[in-house]
Amino acid sequence: LDIVPDERLVIAYTMMYNGARISCSMLTITLSGAGSGTTLTLTEQGLYFPNSDGPVGREAGTRELLNALALELDAH
């Protein structure tokens, strides 16, 4: 939805499971300089339908993905 290079990315997406919509989200990722690195801030606004894992499950999954990203970046 919005890309500002080296600053912000905004996306909207829908998750499906077994053919049923389980959530719709708008995700904003901001990047800012932090010493010799970068701080990534992620904000997600979500709508969770019945049979979804809800915000607790989404947070756990997102945390897992960010940890994997950190490991990959540290390797390089």
PDB file of N, CA and C in Angstrom:
ATOM      1  N   LEU A   1       0.814  -1.206   0.000  1.00  0.00           N
ATOM      2  CA  LEU A   1       0.000   0.000   0.000  1.00  0.00           C
ATOM      3  C   LEU A   1       0.854   1.265   0.000  1.00  0.00           C
ATOM      4  N   ASP A   2       2.027   1.171   0.661  1.00  0.00           N
ATOM      5  CA  ASP A   2       2.895   2.347   0.742  1.00  0.00           C
ATOM      6  C   ASP A   2       4.325   1.886   0.959  1.00  0.00           C
ATOM      7  N   ILE A   3       5.236   2.424   0.165  1.00  0.00           N
ATOM      8  CA  ILE A   3       6.655   2.141   0.329  1.00  0.00           C
ATOM      9  C   ILE A   3       7.400   3.461   0.336  1.00  0.00           C
ATOM     10  N   VAL A   4       8.143   3.706   1.411  1.00  0.00           N
ATOM     11  CA  VAL A   4       9.047   4.839   1.498  1.00  0.00           C
ATOM     12  C   VAL A   4      10.430   4.221   1.703  1.00  0.00           C
ATOM     13  N   PRO A   5      11.294   4.253   0.679  1.00  0.00           N
ATOM     14  CA  PRO A   5      12.578   3.571   0.777  1.00  0.00           C
ATOM     15  C   PRO A   5      13.350   3.937   2.050  1.00  0.00           C
ATOM     16  N   ASP A   6      13.917   2.918   2.671  1.00  0.00           N
ATOM     17  CA  ASP A   6      14.721   3.060   3.896  1.00  0.00           C
ATOM     18  C   ASP A   6      13.941   3.629   5.077  1.00  0.00           C
ATOM     19  N   GLU A   7      12.602   3.627   4.985  1.00  0.00           N
ATOM     20  CA  GLU A   7      11.818   4.219   6.071  1.00  0.00           C
ATOM     21  C   GLU A   7      10.577   3.418   6.453  1.00  0.00           C
ATOM     22  N   ARG A   8       9.722   3.086   5.471  1.00  0.00           N
ATOM     23  CA  ARG A   8       8.433   2.487   5.834  1.00  0.00           C
ATOM     24  C   ARG A   8       7.899   1.596   4.728  1.00  0.00           C
ATOM     25  N   LEU A   9       7.210   0.537   5.174  1.00  0.00           N
ATOM     26  CA  LEU A   9       6.508  -0.385   4.283  1.00  0.00           C
ATOM     27  C   LEU A   9       5.155  -0.661   4.917  1.00  0.00           C
ATOM     28  N   VAL A  10       4.079  -0.487   4.150  1.00  0.00           N
ATOM     29  CA  VAL A  10       2.731  -0.769   4.640  1.00  0.00           C
ATOM     30  C   VAL A  10       2.083  -1.759   3.678  1.00  0.00           C
ATOM     31  N   ILE A  11       1.606  -2.879   4.240  1.00  0.00           N
ATOM     32  CA  ILE A  11       0.945  -3.889   3.420  1.00  0.00           C
ATOM     33  C   ILE A  11      -0.375  -4.299   4.077  1.00  0.00           C
ATOM     34  N   ALA A  12      -1.272  -4.812   3.264  1.00  0.00           N
ATOM     35  CA  ALA A  12      -2.520  -5.401   3.758  1.00  0.00           C
ATOM     36  C   ALA A  12      -2.585  -6.820   3.213  1.00  0.00           C
ATOM     37  N   TYR A  13      -3.072  -7.735   4.037  1.00  0.00           N
ATOM     38  CA  TYR A  13      -3.144  -9.121   3.580  1.00  0.00           C
ATOM     39  C   TYR A  13      -4.252  -9.866   4.303  1.00  0.00           C
ATOM     40  N   THR A  14      -4.662 -10.972   3.680  1.00  0.00           N
ATOM     41  CA  THR A  14      -5.671 -11.869   4.233  1.00  0.00           C
ATOM     42  C   THR A  14      -5.046 -13.246   4.365  1.00  0.00           C
ATOM     43  N   MET A  15      -5.292 -13.925   5.490  1.00  0.00           N
ATOM     44  CA  MET A  15      -4.809 -15.291   5.677  1.00  0.00           C
ATOM     45  C   MET A  15      -5.977 -16.258   5.542  1.00  0.00           C
ATOM     46  N   MET A  16      -5.698 -17.361   4.842  1.00  0.00           N
ATOM     47  CA  MET A  16      -6.694 -18.409   4.637  1.00  0.00           C
ATOM     48  C   MET A  16      -6.165 -19.703   5.244  1.00  0.00           C
ATOM     49  N   TYR A  17      -7.080 -20.544   5.722  1.00  0.00           N
ATOM     50  CA  TYR A  17      -6.718 -21.866   6.218  1.00  0.00           C
ATOM     51  C   TYR A  17      -7.814 -22.830   5.808  1.00  0.00           C
ATOM     52  N   ASN A  18      -7.445 -23.873   5.084  1.00  0.00           N
ATOM     53  CA  ASN A  18      -8.418 -24.851   4.573  1.00  0.00           C
ATOM     54  C   ASN A  18      -9.552 -24.182   3.807  1.00  0.00           C
ATOM     55  N   GLY A  19      -9.220 -23.166   3.028  1.00  0.00           N
ATOM     56  CA  GLY A  19     -10.204 -22.487   2.204  1.00  0.00           C
ATOM     57  C   GLY A  19     -11.059 -21.452   2.921  1.00  0.00           C
ATOM     58  N   ALA A  20     -10.842 -21.266   4.218  1.00  0.00           N
ATOM     59  CA  ALA A  20     -11.635 -20.288   4.975  1.00  0.00           C
ATOM     60  C   ALA A  20     -10.752 -19.105   5.382  1.00  0.00           C
ATOM     61  N   ARG A  21     -11.286 -17.924   5.265  1.00  0.00           N
ATOM     62  CA  ARG A  21     -10.561 -16.725   5.691  1.00  0.00           C
ATOM     63  C   ARG A  21     -10.496 -16.718   7.220  1.00  0.00           C
ATOM     64  N   ILE A  22      -9.289 -16.580   7.765  1.00  0.00           N
ATOM     65  CA  ILE A  22      -9.147 -16.563   9.226  1.00  0.00           C
ATOM     66  C   ILE A  22      -8.744 -15.189   9.764  1.00  0.00           C
ATOM     67  N   SER A  23      -8.168 -14.332   8.898  1.00  0.00           N
ATOM     68  CA  SER A  23      -7.828 -12.988   9.373  1.00  0.00           C
ATOM     69  C   SER A  23      -7.548 -12.058   8.213  1.00  0.00           C
ATOM     70  N   CYS A  24      -7.673 -10.771   8.507  1.00  0.00           N
ATOM     71  CA  CYS A  24      -7.278  -9.697   7.595  1.00  0.00           C
ATOM     72  C   CYS A  24      -6.434  -8.735   8.413  1.00  0.00           C
ATOM     73  N   SER A  25      -5.349  -8.254   7.830  1.00  0.00           N
ATOM     74  CA  SER A  25      -4.440  -7.395   8.582  1.00  0.00           C
ATOM     75  C   SER A  25      -3.904  -6.259   7.737  1.00  0.00           C
ATOM     76  N   MET A  26      -3.532  -5.168   8.428  1.00  0.00           N
ATOM     77  CA  MET A  26      -2.715  -4.115   7.852  1.00  0.00           C
ATOM     78  C   MET A  26      -1.449  -4.081   8.694  1.00  0.00           C
ATOM     79  N   LEU A  27      -0.309  -4.196   8.023  1.00  0.00           N
ATOM     80  CA  LEU A  27       0.979  -4.314   8.683  1.00  0.00           C
ATOM     81  C   LEU A  27       1.844  -3.132   8.280  1.00  0.00           C
ATOM     82  N   THR A  28       2.406  -2.440   9.271  1.00  0.00           N
ATOM     83  CA  THR A  28       3.323  -1.339   9.014  1.00  0.00           C
ATOM     84  C   THR A  28       4.676  -1.682   9.607  1.00  0.00           C
ATOM     85  N   ILE A  29       5.710  -1.594   8.785  1.00  0.00           N
ATOM     86  CA  ILE A  29       7.081  -1.809   9.231  1.00  0.00           C
ATOM     87  C   ILE A  29       7.819  -0.494   9.025  1.00  0.00           C
ATOM     88  N   THR A  30       8.414   0.022  10.104  1.00  0.00           N
ATOM     89  CA  THR A  30       9.229   1.226   9.989  1.00  0.00           C
ATOM     90  C   THR A  30      10.672   0.864  10.312  1.00  0.00           C
ATOM     91  N   LEU A  31      11.583   1.548   9.650  1.00  0.00           N
ATOM     92  CA  LEU A  31      13.012   1.346   9.835  1.00  0.00           C
ATOM     93  C   LEU A  31      13.643   2.664  10.243  1.00  0.00           C
ATOM     94  N   SER A  32      14.529   2.629  11.236  1.00  0.00           N
ATOM     95  CA  SER A  32      15.243   3.839  11.648  1.00  0.00           C
ATOM     96  C   SER A  32      16.652   3.466  12.070  1.00  0.00           C
ATOM     97  N   GLY A  33      17.579   4.385  11.813  1.00  0.00           N
ATOM     98  CA  GLY A  33      18.967   4.159  12.166  1.00  0.00           C
ATOM     99  C   GLY A  33      19.135   4.033  13.672  1.00  0.00           C
ATOM    100  N   ALA A  34      20.033   3.118  14.072  1.00  0.00           N
ATOM    101  CA  ALA A  34      20.328   2.896  15.495  1.00  0.00           C
ATOM    102  C   ALA A  34      21.814   2.590  15.599  1.00  0.00           C
ATOM    103  N   GLY A  35      22.626   3.627  15.765  1.00  0.00           N
ATOM    104  CA  GLY A  35      24.061   3.413  15.807  1.00  0.00           C
ATOM    105  C   GLY A  35      24.535   2.856  14.482  1.00  0.00           C
ATOM    106  N   SER A  36      25.198   1.708  14.517  1.00  0.00           N
ATOM    107  CA  SER A  36      25.678   1.089  13.282  1.00  0.00           C
ATOM    108  C   SER A  36      24.651   0.109  12.710  1.00  0.00           C
ATOM    109  N   GLY A  37      23.461   0.058  13.303  1.00  0.00           N
ATOM    110  CA  GLY A  37      22.429  -0.865  12.860  1.00  0.00           C
ATOM    111  C   GLY A  37      21.139  -0.174  12.491  1.00  0.00           C
ATOM    112  N   THR A  38      20.074  -0.935  12.504  1.00  0.00           N
ATOM    113  CA  THR A  38      18.743  -0.443  12.150  1.00  0.00           C
ATOM    114  C   THR A  38      17.730  -0.996  13.131  1.00  0.00           C
ATOM    115  N   THR A  39      16.806  -0.153  13.568  1.00  0.00           N
ATOM    116  CA  THR A  39      15.690  -0.602  14.394  1.00  0.00           C
ATOM    117  C   THR A  39      14.492  -0.830  13.490  1.00  0.00           C
ATOM    118  N   LEU A  40      13.898  -2.016  13.584  1.00  0.00           N
ATOM    119  CA  LEU A  40      12.704  -2.375  12.845  1.00  0.00           C
ATOM    120  C   LEU A  40      11.544  -2.358  13.831  1.00  0.00           C
ATOM    121  N   THR A  41      10.516  -1.572  13.528  1.00  0.00           N
ATOM    122  CA  THR A  41       9.310  -1.538  14.353  1.00  0.00           C
ATOM    123  C   THR A  41       8.157  -2.061  13.516  1.00  0.00           C
ATOM    124  N   LEU A  42       7.454  -3.053  14.041  1.00  0.00           N
ATOM    125  CA  LEU A  42       6.361  -3.693  13.325  1.00  0.00           C
ATOM    126  C   LEU A  42       5.069  -3.442  14.100  1.00  0.00           C
ATOM    127  N   THR A  43       4.072  -2.918  13.390  1.00  0.00           N
ATOM    128  CA  THR A  43       2.750  -2.697  13.979  1.00  0.00           C
ATOM    129  C   THR A  43       1.724  -3.383  13.094  1.00  0.00           C
ATOM    130  N   GLU A  44       0.900  -4.231  13.701  1.00  0.00           N
ATOM    131  CA  GLU A  44      -0.114  -4.947  12.930  1.00  0.00           C
ATOM    132  C   GLU A  44      -1.490  -4.675  13.525  1.00  0.00           C
ATOM    133  N   GLN A  45      -2.415  -4.301  12.644  1.00  0.00           N
ATOM    134  CA  GLN A  45      -3.814  -4.146  13.024  1.00  0.00           C
ATOM    135  C   GLN A  45      -4.543  -5.308  12.371  1.00  0.00           C
ATOM    136  N   GLY A  46      -5.191  -6.132  13.186  1.00  0.00           N
ATOM    137  CA  GLY A  46      -5.787  -7.336  12.640  1.00  0.00           C
ATOM    138  C   GLY A  46      -7.242  -7.521  12.996  1.00  0.00           C
ATOM    139  N   LEU A  47      -7.927  -8.218  12.106  1.00  0.00           N
ATOM    140  CA  LEU A  47      -9.298  -8.655  12.320  1.00  0.00           C
ATOM    141  C   LEU A  47      -9.253 -10.176  12.250  1.00  0.00           C
ATOM    142  N   TYR A  48      -9.664 -10.845  13.325  1.00  0.00           N
ATOM    143  CA  TYR A  48      -9.552 -12.300  13.410  1.00  0.00           C
ATOM    144  C   TYR A  48     -10.934 -12.933  13.398  1.00  0.00           C
ATOM    145  N   PHE A  49     -11.127 -13.841  12.458  1.00  0.00           N
ATOM    146  CA  PHE A  49     -12.405 -14.506  12.293  1.00  0.00           C
ATOM    147  C   PHE A  49     -12.450 -15.789  13.134  1.00  0.00           C
ATOM    148  N   PRO A  50     -13.644 -16.368  13.332  1.00  0.00           N
ATOM    149  CA  PRO A  50     -13.730 -17.626  14.078  1.00  0.00           C
ATOM    150  C   PRO A  50     -12.786 -18.678  13.491  1.00  0.00           C
ATOM    151  N   ASN A  51     -12.284 -19.528  14.360  1.00  0.00           N
ATOM    152  CA  ASN A  51     -11.360 -20.607  14.007  1.00  0.00           C
ATOM    153  C   ASN A  51      -9.946 -20.127  13.685  1.00  0.00           C
ATOM    154  N   SER A  52      -9.642 -18.858  14.002  1.00  0.00           N
ATOM    155  CA  SER A  52      -8.270 -18.382  13.850  1.00  0.00           C
ATOM    156  C   SER A  52      -7.546 -18.548  15.184  1.00  0.00           C
ATOM    157  N   ASP A  53      -6.241 -18.378  15.146  1.00  0.00           N
ATOM    158  CA  ASP A  53      -5.471 -18.445  16.394  1.00  0.00           C
ATOM    159  C   ASP A  53      -5.458 -17.105  17.119  1.00  0.00           C
ATOM    160  N   GLY A  54      -6.083 -16.082  16.535  1.00  0.00           N
ATOM    161  CA  GLY A  54      -6.216 -14.783  17.178  1.00  0.00           C
ATOM    162  C   GLY A  54      -4.898 -14.043  17.293  1.00  0.00           C
ATOM    163  N   PRO A  55      -4.930 -12.913  17.978  1.00  0.00           N
ATOM    164  CA  PRO A  55      -3.730 -12.080  18.077  1.00  0.00           C
ATOM    165  C   PRO A  55      -2.578 -12.745  18.818  1.00  0.00           C
ATOM    166  N   VAL A  56      -2.856 -13.606  19.774  1.00  0.00           N
ATOM    167  CA  VAL A  56      -1.775 -14.283  20.511  1.00  0.00           C
ATOM    168  C   VAL A  56      -0.983 -15.189  19.562  1.00  0.00           C
ATOM    169  N   GLY A  57      -1.691 -15.943  18.751  1.00  0.00           N
ATOM    170  CA  GLY A  57      -1.022 -16.811  17.788  1.00  0.00           C
ATOM    171  C   GLY A  57      -0.282 -16.015  16.727  1.00  0.00           C
ATOM    172  N   ARG A  58      -0.860 -14.909  16.275  1.00  0.00           N
ATOM    173  CA  ARG A  58      -0.203 -14.074  15.264  1.00  0.00           C
ATOM    174  C   ARG A  58       1.086 -13.489  15.821  1.00  0.00           C
ATOM    175  N   GLU A  59       1.029 -13.007  17.061  1.00  0.00           N
ATOM    176  CA  GLU A  59       2.237 -12.444  17.675  1.00  0.00           C
ATOM    177  C   GLU A  59       3.336 -13.505  17.785  1.00  0.00           C
ATOM    178  N   ALA A  60       2.970 -14.707  18.189  1.00  0.00           N
ATOM    179  CA  ALA A  60       3.960 -15.784  18.312  1.00  0.00           C
ATOM    180  C   ALA A  60       4.576 -16.112  16.952  1.00  0.00           C
ATOM    181  N   GLY A  61       3.759 -16.202  15.922  1.00  0.00           N
ATOM    182  CA  GLY A  61       4.269 -16.487  14.581  1.00  0.00           C
ATOM    183  C   GLY A  61       5.153 -15.381  14.046  1.00  0.00           C
ATOM    184  N   THR A  62       4.748 -14.144  14.273  1.00  0.00           N
ATOM    185  CA  THR A  62       5.547 -13.001  13.823  1.00  0.00           C
ATOM    186  C   THR A  62       6.872 -12.946  14.565  1.00  0.00           C
ATOM    187  N   ARG A  63       6.842 -13.211  15.862  1.00  0.00           N
ATOM    188  CA  ARG A  63       8.071 -13.228  16.657  1.00  0.00           C
ATOM    189  C   ARG A  63       9.038 -14.294  16.121  1.00  0.00           C
ATOM    190  N   GLU A  64       8.497 -15.460  15.779  1.00  0.00           N
ATOM    191  CA  GLU A  64       9.319 -16.537  15.218  1.00  0.00           C
ATOM    192  C   GLU A  64       9.965 -16.112  13.898  1.00  0.00           C
ATOM    193  N   LEU A  65       9.185 -15.455  13.033  1.00  0.00           N
ATOM    194  CA  LEU A  65       9.725 -14.978  11.756  1.00  0.00           C
ATOM    195  C   LEU A  65      10.799 -13.918  11.956  1.00  0.00           C
ATOM    196  N   LEU A  66      10.581 -12.985  12.882  1.00  0.00           N
ATOM    197  CA  LEU A  66      11.578 -11.938  13.139  1.00  0.00           C
ATOM    198  C   LEU A  66      12.849 -12.516  13.742  1.00  0.00           C
ATOM    199  N   ASN A  67      12.722 -13.516  14.606  1.00  0.00           N
ATOM    200  CA  ASN A  67      13.906 -14.176  15.164  1.00  0.00           C
ATOM    201  C   ASN A  67      14.699 -14.875  14.065  1.00  0.00           C
ATOM    202  N   ALA A  68      14.016 -15.513  13.123  1.00  0.00           N
ATOM    203  CA  ALA A  68      14.692 -16.168  11.996  1.00  0.00           C
ATOM    204  C   ALA A  68      15.402 -15.131  11.123  1.00  0.00           C
ATOM    205  N   LEU A  69      14.764 -13.984  10.915  1.00  0.00           N
ATOM    206  CA  LEU A  69      15.387 -12.899  10.151  1.00  0.00           C
ATOM    207  C   LEU A  69      16.647 -12.409  10.858  1.00  0.00           C
ATOM    208  N   ALA A  70      16.581 -12.227  12.168  1.00  0.00           N
ATOM    209  CA  ALA A  70      17.747 -11.779  12.938  1.00  0.00           C
ATOM    210  C   ALA A  70      18.900 -12.762  12.814  1.00  0.00           C
ATOM    211  N   LEU A  71      18.605 -14.059  12.898  1.00  0.00           N
ATOM    212  CA  LEU A  71      19.656 -15.076  12.746  1.00  0.00           C
ATOM    213  C   LEU A  71      20.298 -15.007  11.364  1.00  0.00           C
ATOM    214  N   GLU A  72      19.480 -14.840  10.353  1.00  0.00           N
ATOM    215  CA  GLU A  72      19.991 -14.743   8.982  1.00  0.00           C
ATOM    216  C   GLU A  72      20.867 -13.511   8.809  1.00  0.00           C
ATOM    217  N   LEU A  73      20.410 -12.381   9.331  1.00  0.00           N
ATOM    218  CA  LEU A  73      21.194 -11.139   9.207  1.00  0.00           C
ATOM    219  C   LEU A  73      22.498 -11.233   9.991  1.00  0.00           C
ATOM    220  N   ASP A  74      22.460 -11.842  11.168  1.00  0.00           N
ATOM    221  CA  ASP A  74      23.668 -12.008  11.960  1.00  0.00           C
ATOM    222  C   ASP A  74      24.699 -12.892  11.255  1.00  0.00           C
ATOM    223  N   ALA A  75      24.209 -13.834  10.455  1.00  0.00           N
ATOM    224  CA  ALA A  75      25.103 -14.745   9.728  1.00  0.00           C
ATOM    225  C   ALA A  75      25.856 -14.033   8.607  1.00  0.00           C
ATOM    226  N   HIS A  76      25.355 -12.864   8.212  1.00  0.00           N
ATOM    227  CA  HIS A  76      25.992 -12.123   7.116  1.00  0.00           C
ATOM    228  C   HIS A  76      26.639 -10.888   7.649  1.00  0.00           C
TER     229      HIS A  76
END
